[in-house]
Protein backbone atom coordinates (compact mmCIF):
# COMPACT_ATOMS: atom_id res chain seq x y z
CA VAL A 1 -25.37 -6.28 -2.96
CA LEU A 2 -25.84 -10.02 -3.51
CA VAL A 3 -23.93 -9.84 -6.82
CA LEU A 4 -21.08 -7.93 -5.11
CA CYS A 5 -20.97 -10.47 -2.25
CA PHE A 6 -20.77 -13.34 -4.73
CA PHE A 7 -17.94 -11.55 -6.54
CA LEU A 8 -16.06 -11.02 -3.29
CA PHE A 9 -16.50 -14.68 -2.30
CA PHE A 10 -14.92 -15.68 -5.59
CA PHE A 11 -12.29 -12.96 -5.21
CA PHE A 12 -10.90 -14.64 -2.09
CA LEU A 13 -11.39 -18.34 -2.85
CA ALA A 14 -10.17 -18.24 -6.44
CA ALA A 15 -6.68 -17.70 -5.09
CA GLU A 16 -6.54 -21.36 -4.01
CA GLY A 17 -7.79 -22.61 -7.37
CA LYS A 18 -4.97 -20.67 -9.01
CA GLU A 19 -2.27 -22.00 -6.69
CA ASP A 20 -0.69 -24.47 -9.16
CA GLU A 21 -0.84 -21.90 -11.93
CA ARG A 22 0.75 -19.31 -9.68
CA ARG A 23 3.61 -21.64 -8.86
CA LYS A 24 4.42 -22.05 -12.54
CA GLU A 25 3.97 -18.46 -13.70
CA ASN A 26 5.31 -16.76 -10.51
CA ASN A 27 5.01 -13.02 -11.20
CA PRO A 28 8.26 -11.48 -10.02
CA SER A 29 6.79 -7.95 -9.79
CA ARG A 30 4.54 -9.14 -6.97
CA VAL A 31 6.88 -11.44 -5.13
CA PRO A 32 9.40 -10.52 -2.44
CA GLN A 33 12.82 -11.82 -3.34
CA GLY A 34 15.24 -13.84 -1.33
CA LYS A 35 14.09 -16.25 1.33
CA PRO A 36 12.01 -19.43 1.20
CA GLY A 37 8.43 -19.21 2.32
CA GLU A 38 8.06 -15.46 1.87
CA ARG A 39 6.65 -15.60 -1.61
CA SER A 40 3.02 -14.95 -0.76
CA SER A 41 3.71 -12.90 2.36
CA VAL A 42 3.07 -9.20 2.76
CA PHE A 43 6.65 -8.30 3.73
CA TYR A 44 8.06 -6.48 0.76
CA SER A 45 11.42 -4.84 0.17
CA ALA A 46 12.38 -1.29 1.01
CA GLY A 47 12.11 1.47 -1.51
CA GLN A 48 8.54 0.84 -2.68
CA PHE A 49 5.65 3.25 -2.34
CA PHE A 50 4.27 3.39 1.19
CA PHE A 51 0.77 2.87 -0.15
CA GLU A 52 -1.34 2.49 -3.27
CA TYR A 53 -4.47 4.33 -2.19
CA LEU A 54 -5.97 6.38 0.57
CA VAL A 55 -9.77 6.18 0.46
CA VAL A 56 -12.48 7.62 2.64
CA VAL A 57 -15.50 5.39 3.08
CA SER A 58 -18.72 7.03 4.30
CA LEU A 59 -22.18 5.64 5.08
CA LYS A 60 -24.84 6.75 2.61
CA LYS A 61 -28.58 6.26 3.20
CA VAL A 62 -30.34 4.00 0.68
CA THR A 63 -34.02 3.74 -0.23
CA ASP A 64 -35.09 1.45 2.64
CA GLY A 65 -33.63 3.80 5.24
CA ARG A 66 -30.51 1.74 5.84
CA TYR A 67 -26.94 2.83 5.18
CA GLU A 68 -24.44 1.46 2.70
CA PRO A 69 -20.69 2.20 2.72
CA LYS A 70 -19.45 4.12 -0.29
CA ILE A 71 -16.07 5.54 -1.28
CA THR A 72 -16.35 9.33 -1.12
CA TYR A 73 -12.67 10.22 -1.59
CA GLN A 74 -9.78 8.51 -3.34
CA PHE A 75 -6.15 9.48 -3.56
CA PRO A 76 -4.45 9.25 -5.94
CA LYS A 77 -6.77 9.18 -8.90
CA ARG A 78 -5.43 6.75 -11.48
CA GLU A 79 -5.45 7.61 -15.19
CA ASN A 80 -4.12 5.99 -18.36
CA LEU A 81 -4.40 2.51 -16.91
CA LEU A 82 -4.18 -0.52 -19.16
CA LYS A 83 -7.32 -2.67 -19.40
CA GLY A 84 -6.04 -5.31 -16.96
CA GLN A 85 -4.88 -2.67 -14.51
CA LYS A 86 -8.23 -0.87 -14.68
CA GLU A 87 -10.15 -4.05 -14.03
CA GLU A 88 -7.95 -4.86 -10.98
CA GLU A 89 -8.45 -1.34 -9.65
CA GLU A 90 -12.22 -1.63 -10.05
CA ARG A 91 -12.23 -4.96 -8.17
CA LEU A 92 -10.20 -3.46 -5.37
CA LEU A 93 -12.34 -0.32 -5.01
CA LYS A 94 -15.55 -2.39 -5.02
CA ALA A 95 -14.25 -4.62 -2.22
CA ILE A 96 -12.90 -1.94 0.15
CA PRO A 97 -16.16 -0.41 1.47
CA LEU A 98 -17.57 -3.72 2.80
CA PHE A 99 -14.35 -4.38 4.70
CA CYS A 100 -14.32 -0.87 6.17
CA PHE A 101 -17.85 -1.51 7.53
CA PRO A 102 -17.98 -5.33 7.80
CA ASP A 103 -20.50 -5.17 10.63
CA GLY A 104 -23.48 -4.66 8.30
CA ASN A 105 -25.53 -1.59 7.52
CA ASN A 106 -27.57 -1.24 10.72
CA TRP A 107 -26.01 2.09 11.64
CA ALA A 108 -27.56 5.20 13.11
CA PRO A 109 -26.11 8.70 13.60
CA VAL A 110 -24.42 9.17 16.99
CA THR A 111 -22.88 12.00 19.03
CA GLU A 112 -19.97 9.93 20.44
CA PHE A 113 -17.85 7.18 18.95
CA THR A 114 -14.50 5.84 20.08
CA SER A 115 -12.18 5.66 17.05
CA GLU A 116 -10.82 2.20 16.28
CA THR A 117 -7.94 0.84 14.20
CA PHE A 118 -8.07 -2.45 12.37
CA SER A 119 -6.81 -4.05 9.15
CA PHE A 120 -8.05 -6.42 6.51
CA VAL A 121 -6.41 -8.44 3.77
CA LEU A 122 -7.48 -8.78 0.16
CA THR A 123 -6.10 -11.83 -1.66
CA ASN A 124 -6.14 -11.59 -5.45
CA VAL A 125 -6.56 -14.53 -7.83
CA ASP A 126 -2.80 -14.72 -8.39
CA GLY A 127 -2.17 -15.10 -4.63
CA SER A 128 -0.84 -11.57 -4.12
CA ARG A 129 -2.15 -9.70 -1.09
CA LYS A 130 -2.97 -6.12 -0.26
CA ILE A 131 -3.62 -4.84 3.26
CA GLY A 132 -6.21 -2.23 4.17
CA TYR A 133 -5.22 -0.22 7.28
CA CYS A 134 -8.36 1.38 8.68
CA ARG A 135 -9.16 4.12 11.18
CA ARG A 136 -12.88 4.39 11.87
CA LEU A 137 -13.75 7.68 13.54
CA LEU A 138 -16.48 10.24 14.03
CA PRO A 139 -15.93 13.45 12.06
CA SER A 140 -15.59 16.59 14.18
CA GLY A 141 -18.74 18.67 14.53
CA ARG A 142 -21.89 19.02 16.59
CA GLY A 143 -25.04 16.95 16.80
CA VAL A 144 -25.49 13.38 15.61
CA ARG A 145 -23.13 12.16 12.86
CA LEU A 146 -22.14 8.94 11.15
CA PRO A 147 -18.64 7.46 11.47
CA GLU A 148 -16.38 7.28 8.48
CA VAL A 149 -13.31 5.21 7.66
CA PHE A 150 -9.95 6.33 6.40
CA CYS A 151 -8.38 3.34 4.70
CA ILE A 152 -4.77 3.13 3.45
CA VAL A 153 -4.26 0.28 0.97
CA SER A 154 -0.73 -1.08 0.71
CA CYS A 155 1.24 -4.16 -0.24
CA LEU A 156 3.46 -3.50 2.80
CA GLY A 157 2.89 -5.23 6.09
CA CYS A 158 3.72 -2.97 9.00
CA PHE A 159 0.77 -2.43 11.32
CA GLY A 160 2.54 -0.27 13.88
CA LEU A 161 3.95 2.12 11.32
CA PHE A 162 0.63 2.51 9.49
CA SER A 163 -1.16 3.05 12.83
CA LYS A 164 1.11 6.02 13.39
CA ILE A 165 0.30 7.31 9.88
CA LEU A 166 -3.40 6.98 10.67
CA ASP A 167 -2.83 8.97 13.88
CA GLU A 168 -1.55 11.80 11.71
CA VAL A 169 -4.48 11.42 9.34
CA GLU A 170 -6.98 11.61 12.23
CA LYS A 171 -5.26 14.68 13.66
CA ARG A 172 -5.54 16.46 10.31
CA ARG A 173 -9.14 15.29 9.84
CA GLN A 174 -10.14 17.27 12.93
CA ILE A 175 -8.87 20.38 11.16
CA SER A 176 -9.91 19.77 7.54
CA THR A 177 -9.79 16.94 4.99
CA ALA A 178 -7.82 19.38 2.78
CA VAL A 179 -4.88 19.16 5.21
CA ILE A 180 -4.66 15.38 4.77
CA TYR A 181 -3.80 15.57 1.03
CA PRO A 182 -0.33 17.19 1.24
CA PHE A 183 0.69 14.90 4.06
CA MET A 184 -0.24 11.78 2.08
CA GLN A 185 1.40 13.21 -1.06
CA GLY A 186 4.64 13.67 0.90
CA LEU A 187 4.34 10.14 2.23
CA ARG A 188 3.75 8.70 -1.24
CA GLU A 189 6.81 10.44 -2.57
CA SER A 190 8.98 8.97 0.18
CA PRO A 191 10.59 5.52 -0.17
CA PHE A 192 9.61 2.80 2.27
CA PRO A 193 12.56 2.51 4.68
CA ALA A 194 14.63 -0.63 5.24
CA PRO A 195 14.16 -2.53 8.54
CA GLY A 196 15.46 -0.44 11.44
CA LYS A 197 15.67 2.72 9.29
CA SER A 198 13.54 5.84 9.39
CA VAL A 199 12.06 8.30 6.92
CA THR A 200 11.11 11.90 7.76
CA ILE A 201 8.01 13.48 6.25
CA LYS A 202 7.55 17.26 6.17
CA SER A 203 3.98 18.38 6.64
CA PHE A 204 2.43 21.85 7.03
CA ILE A 205 -0.49 22.32 9.39
CA PRO A 206 -2.33 25.69 9.52
CA GLU A 207 -1.55 27.62 12.72
CA SER A 208 1.07 25.04 13.68
CA GLY A 209 3.55 25.48 10.87
CA THR A 210 5.73 22.80 9.30
CA GLU A 211 6.00 19.52 11.21
CA LEU A 212 8.65 16.79 10.80
CA ILE A 213 7.17 13.34 11.23
CA GLU A 214 9.61 10.48 11.63
CA LEU A 215 8.46 6.99 10.69
CA THR A 216 10.66 4.05 11.72
CA ARG A 217 10.46 0.40 10.72
CA PRO A 218 11.20 -2.24 13.38
CA VAL A 219 14.55 -3.99 13.03
CA ASP A 220 12.96 -7.43 12.69
CA ALA A 221 10.97 -7.15 9.44
CA HIS A 222 9.06 -10.46 9.83
CA LEU A 223 7.51 -9.21 13.10
CA GLU A 224 6.54 -5.67 12.08
CA HIS A 225 2.92 -6.61 11.31
CA VAL A 226 2.49 -8.52 14.59
CA GLU A 227 1.35 -7.91 18.16
CA PHE A 228 1.66 -11.24 19.97
CA GLN A 229 0.60 -9.48 23.17
CA ALA A 230 -2.93 -9.19 21.76
CA LEU A 231 -3.09 -12.99 21.51
CA LEU A 232 -1.51 -13.62 24.93
CA GLN A 233 -3.94 -11.28 26.63
CA ARG A 234 -6.93 -13.26 25.40
CA LEU A 235 -5.83 -16.87 25.25
CA SER A 236 -3.85 -19.18 27.55
CA PRO A 237 -0.56 -20.61 26.22
CA HIS A 238 -2.23 -24.04 26.20
CA LEU A 239 -4.95 -22.85 23.82
CA ILE A 240 -2.47 -20.98 21.65
CA LEU A 241 -0.67 -24.26 21.08
CA HIS A 242 -3.90 -25.96 20.08
CA ILE A 243 -4.52 -23.21 17.53
CA PHE A 244 -0.95 -23.42 16.28
CA ALA A 245 -1.25 -27.17 15.85
CA SER A 246 -4.41 -26.75 13.76
CA ALA A 247 -2.78 -24.04 11.64
CA VAL A 248 0.35 -26.12 11.02
CA LEU A 249 -1.82 -28.90 9.56
CA GLU A 250 -3.75 -26.32 7.49
CA ARG A 251 -7.17 -26.84 9.00
CA ARG A 252 -10.13 -24.48 9.11
CA LEU A 253 -9.92 -21.82 11.82
CA ILE A 254 -12.62 -19.37 12.86
CA PHE A 255 -11.96 -16.60 15.37
CA LEU A 256 -14.74 -14.68 17.12
CA ALA A 257 -14.57 -11.24 18.73
CA GLU A 258 -16.74 -8.15 18.65
CA GLU A 259 -14.00 -5.58 18.16
CA LEU A 260 -12.52 -5.46 14.67
CA SER A 261 -9.14 -4.48 16.09
CA VAL A 262 -9.03 -7.65 18.24
CA LEU A 263 -9.89 -9.86 15.27
CA SER A 264 -7.29 -8.41 12.94
CA GLN A 265 -4.50 -8.29 15.55
CA CYS A 266 -5.06 -11.83 16.82
CA ILE A 267 -5.36 -13.44 13.39
CA HIS A 268 -2.22 -11.68 12.12
CA ALA A 269 -0.48 -13.00 15.25
CA VAL A 270 -1.60 -16.60 14.64
CA ALA A 271 -0.41 -16.45 11.03
CA ALA A 272 2.95 -15.10 12.27
CA LEU A 273 3.41 -18.12 14.57
CA LEU A 274 3.98 -20.14 11.39
CA TYR A 275 7.13 -18.23 10.41
CA PRO A 276 9.28 -19.06 8.43
CA PHE A 277 6.33 -20.69 6.64
CA THR A 278 3.48 -18.74 5.10
CA TRP A 279 -0.29 -19.35 5.19
CA ALA A 280 -1.32 -19.31 1.55
CA HIS A 281 -4.95 -20.34 1.84
CA THR A 282 -8.06 -18.23 2.38
CA TYR A 283 -7.14 -15.55 4.89
CA ILE A 284 -9.78 -12.99 5.93
CA PRO A 285 -9.04 -11.36 9.32
CA VAL A 286 -12.34 -9.46 9.22
CA VAL A 287 -15.21 -11.14 7.35
CA PRO A 288 -18.03 -8.84 6.14
CA GLU A 289 -21.50 -9.94 7.15
CA CYS A 290 -22.45 -10.82 3.56
CA LEU A 291 -19.50 -13.25 3.31
CA LEU A 292 -20.33 -15.47 6.29
CA ASP A 293 -20.83 -18.37 3.88
CA THR A 294 -17.01 -18.50 3.72
CA VAL A 295 -17.18 -20.92 6.68
CA CYS A 296 -18.76 -23.49 4.36
CA CYS A 297 -15.61 -23.64 2.28
CA PRO A 298 -14.18 -27.22 2.24
CA THR A 299 -10.57 -25.97 1.86
CA PRO A 300 -8.39 -24.52 4.65
CA PHE A 301 -9.15 -21.04 5.86
CA MET A 302 -8.32 -18.61 8.65
CA VAL A 303 -11.07 -16.08 9.22
CA GLY A 304 -12.31 -13.60 11.81
CA ILE A 305 -16.02 -13.04 12.45
CA GLN A 306 -17.83 -10.68 14.80
CA LYS A 307 -19.30 -12.61 17.68
CA ARG A 308 -22.77 -11.24 17.08
CA HIS A 309 -22.90 -13.62 14.07
CA LEU A 310 -22.07 -16.74 16.09
CA GLU A 311 -25.47 -18.36 15.77
CA ARG A 312 -25.51 -17.83 12.00
CA VAL A 313 -22.04 -19.38 11.77
CA LEU A 314 -23.01 -22.43 13.83
CA ASP A 315 -26.08 -22.92 11.60
CA GLN A 316 -23.92 -23.15 8.50
CA PRO A 317 -23.32 -26.65 7.00
CA MET A 318 -19.56 -26.43 7.54
CA GLU A 319 -16.98 -29.18 7.85
CA GLU A 320 -14.78 -29.68 10.89
CA ALA A 321 -13.30 -26.45 12.13
CA LEU A 322 -11.63 -24.94 15.19
CA ILE A 323 -13.80 -22.12 16.55
CA VAL A 324 -12.05 -19.77 18.95
CA ASP A 325 -13.86 -17.23 21.16
CA LEU A 326 -11.41 -14.40 21.77
CA CYS A 327 -13.86 -12.62 24.05
CA GLU A 328 -14.16 -15.53 26.52
CA GLY A 329 -10.69 -16.95 25.87
CA LYS A 330 -11.89 -20.43 25.01
CA ILE A 331 -12.40 -22.88 22.15
CA LEU A 332 -16.05 -23.40 21.27
CA ARG A 333 -15.62 -26.25 18.78
CA ALA A 334 -12.61 -28.45 18.01
CA VAL A 335 -11.76 -31.57 16.02
CA GLY A 336 -10.67 -33.26 19.23
CA ASP A 337 -7.08 -34.30 18.52
CA GLU A 338 -5.41 -30.89 18.96
CA GLU A 339 -3.58 -32.12 22.07
CA GLU A 340 -1.95 -34.93 20.11
CA ILE A 341 -0.81 -33.18 16.92
CA LEU A 342 2.50 -31.71 18.12
CA PRO A 343 5.33 -33.90 19.51
CA ILE A 344 4.74 -33.84 23.26
CA LYS A 345 8.33 -32.96 24.25
CA LEU A 346 8.50 -29.96 21.91
CA GLN A 347 4.98 -28.98 22.89
CA ASN A 348 5.99 -28.85 26.52
CA GLU A 349 9.08 -26.79 25.72
CA MET A 350 6.97 -24.19 23.93
CA LEU A 351 4.46 -24.20 26.77
CA THR A 352 7.23 -23.57 29.25
CA SER A 353 8.54 -20.71 27.16
CA LEU A 354 5.12 -19.03 26.81
CA ASN A 355 4.38 -19.49 30.53
CA ARG A 356 7.77 -18.00 31.39
CA HIS A 357 6.84 -14.97 29.36
CA ASN A 358 3.53 -14.60 31.22
CA ASN A 359 5.38 -14.68 34.54
CA ASN A 360 8.28 -12.47 33.51
CA ASN A 361 7.77 -8.92 34.68
CA ASN A 362 10.96 -7.81 32.95
CA VAL A 363 9.38 -8.13 29.52
CA HIS A 364 7.50 -4.95 28.81
CA THR A 365 7.64 -3.67 25.27
CA SER A 366 5.73 -5.22 22.36
CA GLU A 367 9.08 -5.75 20.56
CA GLN A 368 10.33 -7.83 23.49
CA VAL A 369 7.15 -9.86 23.62
CA ASN A 370 7.32 -10.46 19.86
CA ALA A 371 10.94 -11.62 20.10
CA VAL A 372 10.30 -14.03 22.98
CA VAL A 373 7.22 -15.61 21.42
CA SER A 374 8.63 -15.82 17.89
CA GLU A 375 11.84 -17.48 19.17
CA ALA A 376 9.85 -20.27 20.83
CA PHE A 377 8.00 -21.16 17.62
CA VAL A 378 10.96 -20.76 15.27
CA HIS A 379 12.93 -23.06 17.59
CA PHE A 380 10.12 -25.65 17.18
CA PHE A 381 10.56 -25.66 13.41
CA VAL A 382 14.37 -25.67 13.66
CA ARG A 383 14.28 -28.79 15.85
CA LEU A 384 11.96 -30.61 13.42
CA VAL A 385 12.81 -29.50 9.89
CA GLY A 386 15.93 -27.34 10.23
CA HIS A 387 17.97 -29.98 8.40
CA TYR A 388 15.99 -29.55 5.16
CA SER A 389 18.92 -27.96 3.23
CA ALA A 390 21.06 -31.07 3.73
CA HIS A 391 18.45 -33.07 1.78
CA ILE A 392 18.26 -30.97 -1.39
CA LYS A 393 20.11 -32.67 -4.22
CA TRP A 394 21.63 -30.18 -6.67
CA SER A 395 22.04 -30.86 -10.41
CA LYS A 396 24.79 -29.45 -12.58
CA ASN A 397 22.44 -26.78 -13.95
CA GLY A 398 21.82 -25.43 -10.45
CA SER A 399 18.32 -26.73 -9.85
CA GLY A 400 17.58 -28.57 -6.66
CA THR A 401 15.42 -31.56 -5.84
CA PHE A 402 14.22 -32.17 -2.31
CA GLN A 403 14.76 -35.74 -1.05
CA GLU A 404 11.66 -36.15 1.14
CA ARG A 405 12.16 -39.77 2.12
CA ALA A 406 15.78 -39.26 3.27
CA PHE A 407 14.76 -36.05 5.01
CA CYS A 408 12.14 -37.84 7.10
CA LYS A 409 14.35 -40.86 7.74
CA ALA A 410 17.04 -38.59 9.19
CA ILE A 411 14.78 -37.75 12.14
CA SER A 412 15.67 -40.15 14.98
CA SER A 413 12.66 -39.48 17.24
CA LYS A 414 9.62 -41.56 16.23
CA THR A 415 7.12 -38.96 17.54
CA ASN A 416 8.91 -36.16 15.72
CA ARG A 417 9.07 -38.19 12.48
CA LYS A 418 5.35 -38.99 12.75
CA PHE A 419 4.53 -35.29 12.87
CA VAL A 420 6.97 -34.30 10.10
CA LYS A 421 5.54 -36.91 7.70
CA LYS A 422 2.23 -35.04 7.95
CA PHE A 423 3.77 -31.59 7.83
CA VAL A 424 5.76 -32.24 4.61
CA LYS A 425 2.44 -32.81 2.81
CA THR A 426 1.15 -29.32 3.63
CA ASN A 427 1.15 -26.35 1.35
CA LEU A 428 3.12 -24.50 4.00
CA PHE A 429 6.06 -26.81 3.61
CA SER A 430 5.73 -27.35 -0.15
CA LEU A 431 5.92 -23.64 -0.94
CA PHE A 432 8.91 -23.22 1.37
CA ILE A 433 10.77 -26.09 -0.29
CA GLU A 434 9.94 -24.84 -3.78
CA GLU A 435 11.77 -21.62 -2.99
CA ALA A 436 14.65 -23.46 -1.33
CA GLU A 437 15.11 -25.59 -4.44
CA LYS A 438 15.70 -22.42 -6.48
CA SER A 439 18.61 -21.08 -4.48
CA ARG A 440 21.82 -22.60 -3.13
CA ILE A 441 22.41 -19.58 -0.89
CA PRO A 442 22.33 -20.67 2.79
CA GLN A 443 19.16 -19.42 4.42
CA GLU A 444 20.80 -18.40 7.67
CA GLY A 445 18.42 -15.52 8.29
CA LYS A 446 15.48 -17.95 8.31
CA TRP A 447 16.74 -20.08 11.18
C-alpha cells in the first residue's frame, strides 16, 4: 500500500514538473481544439466515446481483518495494447480503487447505506485528465453487506449527464450485473453529442422490455460539469470571493467536508469560477487517506479532504494555504490578504451580483444559477484583461507575440493595473496567452 501511495503521489505531482515539456510537445490527440485556455480542461469535442472504462470496485478482506478496495469487474477488456498504452492502463487501474474508497479501509458490513454520487480527477504526467464518475451503493440482498462502487472513467466532463447514466446503472444493478453490460455497450457505441444535442440509447431490461434512454448535453458546454448551487448553499458570497482571489493567484487551497459528493461538486465549482482560464496545477477533488501528504506540496494545489482528517492535515508541515470548511461554511486558515487581492470596485460588483442571486426567488434551475454566477466572474475577467487580443503582435508567418508591458499600461485604473501585473505572471494567464498567440481567429465565444 505504501508503494502504491508513493506512486500515486508522483502520478499527480509529476504533471507540474512536466509543464514546460508539455507546452513544447503538446499532444494534439489529448487536447481540445479551438479556444485559449481550454488545453488542459476536461471539455472535449463531440463524437468521442462516452467513456473509456466501467469498473466495479469491491471491498475485499485482507489478512489483518481490514478491507481493501479491489477492481472486480472491468469493461471493456483491452487487448493488443502497445507497451506504452499498457503501462498507462495499469497505472489508471491501480489508482481507481483508492479514489472509489478514499475514506480508508475501516469498513464493516451494513444492512442500510444511502447511495452517493461523486467524482474524482486523475492527472497524468503529460497534463491530460481523466474523470472518474462514481456511484457508491449497497448491492441488493438480505443481511449485512459491503458497499461497492460503479465507476465510469471518461475524458469528458459532464457531471449531470454521467449522473443520469449512473442512475441507469444502479437500476440495472438491482436486477443483475448482467443487465448492465448491454446498456454500457450501447452507450460506448454511441457518439458523445454536441452541446444542446441528445443521443438515444436502446436498452433491454427483463420483464420491462426495450427502453429508450435519452441523454442530453447542456447548451453551455463550459458549465456542464458544474453545480454552482452546491457552493452557494455552503458558503457566503463574501467567502466565495476570498476563495476565488486565492485561486486566481494560484495559491494552495484545501477544502474540507465529510461527504464525497460535497467535496467533488464544490471543488469543480471553484475551478469553474476561473473560466475562461484553466487550473493546471495539482487538482484532487477527493484525496485518498494515504495521500494526505499532498498538503505538504510547495507548489499550488486545489484539493478536497474529508473533515475527519482535519487534525492530521493541520499537523502537516505545510506552507501557507487557504483551508475552507464546507460543513461549517467558514475559512479555518488564511494568508490574511484575501480581502485586498481583487480590485475593490470589481469585487463589490461581483458581491452585489452573487447577493442578488441569493435574494432572487425567480432563479430556480441549476442551469439558471450556473448562468448567473458564471456571468459575474466572466465579466470580472472581461473588465480586466478582455483587451488582450489588441496586444498580440503578429508576424508575417502568422505567429503572435504578446506585448505584456503595453497590455498592462493600457489599463487606466491603478488598482486594476496592480492586480493585472500579478495575474499576468500566473500559469493561468500564460497558458491562455500561449493558445491565443497560435490563432488569429477572434475568440468571441470566450468573452
